[in-house]
């Protein structure tokens, strides 16, 4: 309930807009490099299972 209230307040207030810009910029960079993260997780799983 707290997060829902926070989301509504930040969406409709003018002070929340710069925060959404930061979130959007962060998500766009994650969106570009998510396959590398999956490869890294796969390599980690392979290395830990062999030992």
Protein backbone atom coordinates (compact mmCIF):
# COMPACT_ATOMS: atom_id res chain seq x y z
CA UNK A 1 0.00 0.00 0.00
CA UNK A 2 2.89 2.33 0.80
CA UNK A 3 4.51 1.82 -2.59
CA UNK A 4 1.21 2.38 -4.38
CA UNK A 5 0.75 5.66 -2.56
CA UNK A 6 4.32 6.67 -3.31
CA UNK A 7 3.85 5.86 -7.00
CA UNK A 8 0.71 7.96 -7.23
CA UNK A 9 2.32 10.91 -5.44
CA UNK A 10 5.45 10.81 -7.59
CA UNK A 11 3.48 10.43 -10.79
CA UNK A 12 1.33 13.49 -10.25
CA UNK A 13 3.80 15.78 -8.53
CA UNK A 14 6.27 17.97 -10.36
CA UNK A 15 9.13 17.00 -8.05
CA UNK A 16 8.97 13.34 -9.08
CA UNK A 17 9.68 14.00 -12.74
CA UNK A 18 13.52 14.16 -12.47
CA UNK A 19 13.41 10.88 -10.54
CA UNK A 20 11.55 9.20 -13.40
CA UNK A 21 14.14 10.49 -15.85
CA UNK A 22 16.90 8.82 -13.81
CA UNK A 23 14.97 5.56 -13.68
CA UNK A 24 14.36 5.66 -17.42
CA UNK A 25 18.05 6.30 -18.15
CA UNK A 26 19.09 3.44 -15.87
CA UNK A 27 16.60 1.02 -17.39
CA UNK A 28 17.64 1.89 -20.93
CA UNK A 29 21.25 0.99 -20.17
CA UNK A 30 20.17 -2.26 -18.50
CA UNK A 31 17.98 -3.04 -21.49
CA UNK A 32 20.98 -2.76 -23.82
CA UNK A 33 23.24 -5.07 -21.83
CA UNK A 34 20.90 -7.72 -20.37
CA UNK A 35 22.21 -10.50 -22.67
CA UNK A 36 25.69 -10.00 -21.21
CA UNK A 37 24.24 -10.47 -17.75
CA UNK A 38 22.64 -13.74 -18.78
CA UNK A 39 25.93 -14.95 -20.24
CA UNK A 40 27.75 -14.02 -17.03
CA UNK A 41 25.19 -15.91 -14.93
CA UNK A 42 25.53 -18.96 -17.17
CA UNK A 43 29.32 -18.92 -16.92
CA UNK A 44 29.10 -18.58 -13.15
CA UNK A 45 26.75 -21.55 -12.90
CA UNK A 46 29.03 -23.66 -15.08
CA UNK A 47 32.10 -22.81 -13.02
CA UNK A 48 30.44 -23.46 -9.65
CA UNK A 49 28.99 -26.82 -10.68
CA UNK A 50 32.32 -28.20 -11.87
CA UNK A 51 34.10 -27.63 -8.57
